[in-house]
Amino acid sequence: MFLIEQRDNERTIECPACSISETIVGDERLQAFEERRAEDGLLYRCLECGASGPASP
């Protein structure tokens, strides 16, 4: 599961496989991850190592 930390208008996403992380502010686009909606929530894919999965609860 991808670790998501949210503070105010800032969101940090960390890959569980390679530990790369990215912080975005507001509506910035992700550069290191791909985000897509699924029936049960958001799914993420790391563009660095290819790992994919849901966000941690």
PDB file of N, CA and C in Angstrom:
ATOM      1  N   MET A   1       0.833  -1.186   0.000  1.00  0.00           N
ATOM      2  CA  MET A   1       0.000   0.000   0.000  1.00  0.00           C
ATOM      3  C   MET A   1       0.875   1.246   0.000  1.00  0.00           C
ATOM      4  N   PHE A   2       0.457   2.206  -0.757  1.00  0.00           N
ATOM      5  CA  PHE A   2       1.192   3.461  -0.856  1.00  0.00           C
ATOM      6  C   PHE A   2       0.854   4.346   0.339  1.00  0.00           C
ATOM      7  N   LEU A   3       1.873   4.895   0.957  1.00  0.00           N
ATOM      8  CA  LEU A   3       1.695   5.752   2.122  1.00  0.00           C
ATOM      9  C   LEU A   3       1.336   7.155   1.649  1.00  0.00           C
ATOM     10  N   ILE A   4       0.216   7.664   2.120  1.00  0.00           N
ATOM     11  CA  ILE A   4      -0.236   9.008   1.770  1.00  0.00           C
ATOM     12  C   ILE A   4      -0.306   9.820   3.054  1.00  0.00           C
ATOM     13  N   GLU A   5       0.384  10.944   3.060  1.00  0.00           N
ATOM     14  CA  GLU A   5       0.356  11.857   4.201  1.00  0.00           C
ATOM     15  C   GLU A   5      -0.249  13.161   3.715  1.00  0.00           C
ATOM     16  N   GLN A   6      -1.260  13.652   4.395  1.00  0.00           N
ATOM     17  CA  GLN A   6      -1.912  14.883   3.967  1.00  0.00           C
ATOM     18  C   GLN A   6      -1.834  15.923   5.067  1.00  0.00           C
ATOM     19  N   ARG A   7      -1.364  17.117   4.702  1.00  0.00           N
ATOM     20  CA  ARG A   7      -1.308  18.253   5.630  1.00  0.00           C
ATOM     21  C   ARG A   7      -1.816  19.479   4.891  1.00  0.00           C
ATOM     22  N   ASP A   8      -2.851  20.085   5.419  1.00  0.00           N
ATOM     23  CA  ASP A   8      -3.440  21.278   4.812  1.00  0.00           C
ATOM     24  C   ASP A   8      -3.637  21.073   3.318  1.00  0.00           C
ATOM     25  N   ASN A   9      -2.901  21.804   2.493  1.00  0.00           N
ATOM     26  CA  ASN A   9      -3.050  21.760   1.039  1.00  0.00           C
ATOM     27  C   ASN A   9      -1.922  20.952   0.392  1.00  0.00           C
ATOM     28  N   GLU A  10      -1.217  20.152   1.190  1.00  0.00           N
ATOM     29  CA  GLU A  10      -0.034  19.429   0.728  1.00  0.00           C
ATOM     30  C   GLU A  10      -0.252  17.924   0.896  1.00  0.00           C
ATOM     31  N   ARG A  11       0.190  17.158  -0.083  1.00  0.00           N
ATOM     32  CA  ARG A  11       0.027  15.703  -0.030  1.00  0.00           C
ATOM     33  C   ARG A  11       1.350  15.041  -0.399  1.00  0.00           C
ATOM     34  N   THR A  12       1.805  14.089   0.409  1.00  0.00           N
ATOM     35  CA  THR A  12       3.040  13.353   0.143  1.00  0.00           C
ATOM     36  C   THR A  12       2.686  11.892  -0.094  1.00  0.00           C
ATOM     37  N   ILE A  13       3.215  11.330  -1.174  1.00  0.00           N
ATOM     38  CA  ILE A  13       2.974   9.939  -1.540  1.00  0.00           C
ATOM     39  C   ILE A  13       4.313   9.220  -1.533  1.00  0.00           C
ATOM     40  N   GLU A  14       4.348   8.026  -0.916  1.00  0.00           N
ATOM     41  CA  GLU A  14       5.591   7.245  -0.866  1.00  0.00           C
ATOM     42  C   GLU A  14       5.342   5.834  -1.383  1.00  0.00           C
ATOM     43  N   CYS A  15       6.233   5.362  -2.245  1.00  0.00           N
ATOM     44  CA  CYS A  15       6.150   4.016  -2.805  1.00  0.00           C
ATOM     45  C   CYS A  15       6.621   2.998  -1.765  1.00  0.00           C
ATOM     46  N   PRO A  16       5.852   1.924  -1.539  1.00  0.00           N
ATOM     47  CA  PRO A  16       6.249   0.918  -0.558  1.00  0.00           C
ATOM     48  C   PRO A  16       7.403   0.036  -1.038  1.00  0.00           C
ATOM     49  N   ALA A  17       7.634  -0.017  -2.338  1.00  0.00           N
ATOM     50  CA  ALA A  17       8.673  -0.897  -2.885  1.00  0.00           C
ATOM     51  C   ALA A  17      10.044  -0.229  -2.952  1.00  0.00           C
ATOM     52  N   CYS A  18      10.102   0.979  -3.520  1.00  0.00           N
ATOM     53  CA  CYS A  18      11.408   1.619  -3.711  1.00  0.00           C
ATOM     54  C   CYS A  18      11.608   2.852  -2.835  1.00  0.00           C
ATOM     55  N   SER A  19      10.600   3.222  -2.051  1.00  0.00           N
ATOM     56  CA  SER A  19      10.650   4.336  -1.093  1.00  0.00           C
ATOM     57  C   SER A  19      10.787   5.721  -1.712  1.00  0.00           C
ATOM     58  N   ILE A  20      10.619   5.843  -3.030  1.00  0.00           N
ATOM     59  CA  ILE A  20      10.620   7.175  -3.636  1.00  0.00           C
ATOM     60  C   ILE A  20       9.376   7.906  -3.121  1.00  0.00           C
ATOM     61  N   SER A  21       9.487   9.198  -2.901  1.00  0.00           N
ATOM     62  CA  SER A  21       8.326   9.954  -2.443  1.00  0.00           C
ATOM     63  C   SER A  21       8.224  11.262  -3.214  1.00  0.00           C
ATOM     64  N   GLU A  22       7.020  11.790  -3.226  1.00  0.00           N
ATOM     65  CA  GLU A  22       6.759  13.046  -3.926  1.00  0.00           C
ATOM     66  C   GLU A  22       5.747  13.840  -3.120  1.00  0.00           C
ATOM     67  N   THR A  23       5.986  15.132  -2.998  1.00  0.00           N
ATOM     68  CA  THR A  23       5.062  16.027  -2.316  1.00  0.00           C
ATOM     69  C   THR A  23       4.487  16.992  -3.337  1.00  0.00           C
ATOM     70  N   ILE A  24       3.169  17.095  -3.345  1.00  0.00           N
ATOM     71  CA  ILE A  24       2.511  18.037  -4.246  1.00  0.00           C
ATOM     72  C   ILE A  24       1.652  18.984  -3.421  1.00  0.00           C
ATOM     73  N   VAL A  25       1.449  20.170  -3.948  1.00  0.00           N
ATOM     74  CA  VAL A  25       0.654  21.194  -3.283  1.00  0.00           C
ATOM     75  C   VAL A  25      -0.543  21.515  -4.170  1.00  0.00           C
ATOM     76  N   GLY A  26      -1.719  21.540  -3.556  1.00  0.00           N
ATOM     77  CA  GLY A  26      -2.927  21.894  -4.285  1.00  0.00           C
ATOM     78  C   GLY A  26      -3.231  20.931  -5.414  1.00  0.00           C
ATOM     79  N   ASP A  27      -3.432  21.488  -6.606  1.00  0.00           N
ATOM     80  CA  ASP A  27      -3.810  20.691  -7.770  1.00  0.00           C
ATOM     81  C   ASP A  27      -2.636  20.348  -8.676  1.00  0.00           C
ATOM     82  N   GLU A  28      -1.409  20.413  -8.157  1.00  0.00           N
ATOM     83  CA  GLU A  28      -0.241  20.043  -8.958  1.00  0.00           C
ATOM     84  C   GLU A  28      -0.398  18.608  -9.455  1.00  0.00           C
ATOM     85  N   ARG A  29       0.190  18.330 -10.604  1.00  0.00           N
ATOM     86  CA  ARG A  29       0.158  16.972 -11.150  1.00  0.00           C
ATOM     87  C   ARG A  29       1.304  16.155 -10.577  1.00  0.00           C
ATOM     88  N   LEU A  30       1.032  14.887 -10.358  1.00  0.00           N
ATOM     89  CA  LEU A  30       2.074  13.966  -9.905  1.00  0.00           C
ATOM     90  C   LEU A  30       3.081  13.740 -11.024  1.00  0.00           C
ATOM     91  N   GLN A  31       4.349  13.675 -10.685  1.00  0.00           N
ATOM     92  CA  GLN A  31       5.401  13.415 -11.660  1.00  0.00           C
ATOM     93  C   GLN A  31       5.957  11.998 -11.515  1.00  0.00           C
ATOM     94  N   ALA A  32       6.062  11.496 -10.284  1.00  0.00           N
ATOM     95  CA  ALA A  32       6.688  10.194 -10.023  1.00  0.00           C
ATOM     96  C   ALA A  32       5.669   9.058  -9.923  1.00  0.00           C
ATOM     97  N   PHE A  33       4.391   9.410  -9.867  1.00  0.00           N
ATOM     98  CA  PHE A  33       3.345   8.407  -9.699  1.00  0.00           C
ATOM     99  C   PHE A  33       2.210   8.644 -10.673  1.00  0.00           C
ATOM    100  N   GLU A  34       1.499   7.562 -10.969  1.00  0.00           N
ATOM    101  CA  GLU A  34       0.279   7.645 -11.759  1.00  0.00           C
ATOM    102  C   GLU A  34      -0.863   7.352 -10.793  1.00  0.00           C
ATOM    103  N   GLU A  35      -1.912   8.136 -10.864  1.00  0.00           N
ATOM    104  CA  GLU A  35      -3.050   7.986  -9.954  1.00  0.00           C
ATOM    105  C   GLU A  35      -4.292   7.746 -10.794  1.00  0.00           C
ATOM    106  N   ARG A  36      -5.078   6.741 -10.415  1.00  0.00           N
ATOM    107  CA  ARG A  36      -6.331   6.523 -11.140  1.00  0.00           C
ATOM    108  C   ARG A  36      -7.416   6.082 -10.176  1.00  0.00           C
ATOM    109  N   ARG A  37      -8.626   6.380 -10.543  1.00  0.00           N
ATOM    110  CA  ARG A  37      -9.769   6.038  -9.699  1.00  0.00           C
ATOM    111  C   ARG A  37     -10.239   4.616 -10.014  1.00  0.00           C
ATOM    112  N   ALA A  38     -10.604   3.902  -8.969  1.00  0.00           N
ATOM    113  CA  ALA A  38     -11.169   2.560  -9.087  1.00  0.00           C
ATOM    114  C   ALA A  38     -12.442   2.534  -8.246  1.00  0.00           C
ATOM    115  N   GLU A  39     -13.200   1.462  -8.361  1.00  0.00           N
ATOM    116  CA  GLU A  39     -14.450   1.355  -7.597  1.00  0.00           C
ATOM    117  C   GLU A  39     -14.233   1.495  -6.096  1.00  0.00           C
ATOM    118  N   ASP A  40     -13.129   0.945  -5.612  1.00  0.00           N
ATOM    119  CA  ASP A  40     -12.884   0.945  -4.165  1.00  0.00           C
ATOM    120  C   ASP A  40     -11.899   2.020  -3.714  1.00  0.00           C
ATOM    121  N   GLY A  41     -11.681   3.048  -4.521  1.00  0.00           N
ATOM    122  CA  GLY A  41     -10.794   4.144  -4.125  1.00  0.00           C
ATOM    123  C   GLY A  41      -9.730   4.432  -5.162  1.00  0.00           C
ATOM    124  N   LEU A  42      -8.695   5.154  -4.759  1.00  0.00           N
ATOM    125  CA  LEU A  42      -7.614   5.512  -5.669  1.00  0.00           C
ATOM    126  C   LEU A  42      -6.553   4.423  -5.714  1.00  0.00           C
ATOM    127  N   LEU A  43      -6.008   4.203  -6.904  1.00  0.00           N
ATOM    128  CA  LEU A  43      -4.892   3.282  -7.086  1.00  0.00           C
ATOM    129  C   LEU A  43      -3.704   4.082  -7.581  1.00  0.00           C
ATOM    130  N   TYR A  44      -2.518   3.692  -7.152  1.00  0.00           N
ATOM    131  CA  TYR A  44      -1.293   4.395  -7.526  1.00  0.00           C
ATOM    132  C   TYR A  44      -0.327   3.443  -8.207  1.00  0.00           C
ATOM    133  N   ARG A  45       0.491   3.985  -9.117  1.00  0.00           N
ATOM    134  CA  ARG A  45       1.562   3.220  -9.749  1.00  0.00           C
ATOM    135  C   ARG A  45       2.807   4.080  -9.736  1.00  0.00           C
ATOM    136  N   CYS A  46       3.903   3.501  -9.251  1.00  0.00           N
ATOM    137  CA  CYS A  46       5.189   4.195  -9.199  1.00  0.00           C
ATOM    138  C   CYS A  46       5.816   4.140 -10.587  1.00  0.00           C
ATOM    139  N   LEU A  47       6.160   5.285 -11.143  1.00  0.00           N
ATOM    140  CA  LEU A  47       6.763   5.329 -12.468  1.00  0.00           C
ATOM    141  C   LEU A  47       8.242   4.971 -12.423  1.00  0.00           C
ATOM    142  N   GLU A  48       8.819   4.905 -11.229  1.00  0.00           N
ATOM    143  CA  GLU A  48      10.235   4.557 -11.065  1.00  0.00           C
ATOM    144  C   GLU A  48      10.440   3.040 -11.104  1.00  0.00           C
ATOM    145  N   CYS A  49       9.673   2.300 -10.295  1.00  0.00           N
ATOM    146  CA  CYS A  49       9.895   0.848 -10.192  1.00  0.00           C
ATOM    147  C   CYS A  49       8.732   0.006 -10.720  1.00  0.00           C
ATOM    148  N   GLY A  50       7.573   0.636 -10.989  1.00  0.00           N
ATOM    149  CA  GLY A  50       6.431  -0.088 -11.540  1.00  0.00           C
ATOM    150  C   GLY A  50       5.479  -0.678 -10.514  1.00  0.00           C
ATOM    151  N   ALA A  51       5.776  -0.536  -9.228  1.00  0.00           N
ATOM    152  CA  ALA A  51       4.883  -1.064  -8.188  1.00  0.00           C
ATOM    153  C   ALA A  51       3.532  -0.358  -8.270  1.00  0.00           C
ATOM    154  N   SER A  52       2.465  -1.088  -7.964  1.00  0.00           N
ATOM    155  CA  SER A  52       1.146  -0.465  -7.989  1.00  0.00           C
ATOM    156  C   SER A  52       0.282  -1.028  -6.874  1.00  0.00           C
ATOM    157  N   GLY A  53      -0.716  -0.245  -6.489  1.00  0.00           N
ATOM    158  CA  GLY A  53      -1.632  -0.679  -5.444  1.00  0.00           C
ATOM    159  C   GLY A  53      -2.398   0.487  -4.867  1.00  0.00           C
ATOM    160  N   PRO A  54      -3.213   0.198  -3.857  1.00  0.00           N
ATOM    161  CA  PRO A  54      -4.032   1.235  -3.230  1.00  0.00           C
ATOM    162  C   PRO A  54      -3.235   2.056  -2.219  1.00  0.00           C
ATOM    163  N   ALA A  55      -3.859   3.121  -1.775  1.00  0.00           N
ATOM    164  CA  ALA A  55      -3.276   3.944  -0.710  1.00  0.00           C
ATOM    165  C   ALA A  55      -3.565   3.285   0.629  1.00  0.00           C
ATOM    166  N   SER A  56      -2.708   3.522   1.599  1.00  0.00           N
ATOM    167  CA  SER A  56      -2.955   2.992   2.943  1.00  0.00           C
ATOM    168  C   SER A  56      -4.151   3.717   3.547  1.00  0.00           C
ATOM    169  N   PRO A  57      -4.928   3.015   4.376  1.00  0.00           N
ATOM    170  CA  PRO A  57      -6.125   3.648   4.963  1.00  0.00           C
ATOM    171  C   PRO A  57      -5.783   4.741   5.948  1.00  0.00           C
TER     172      PRO A  57
END
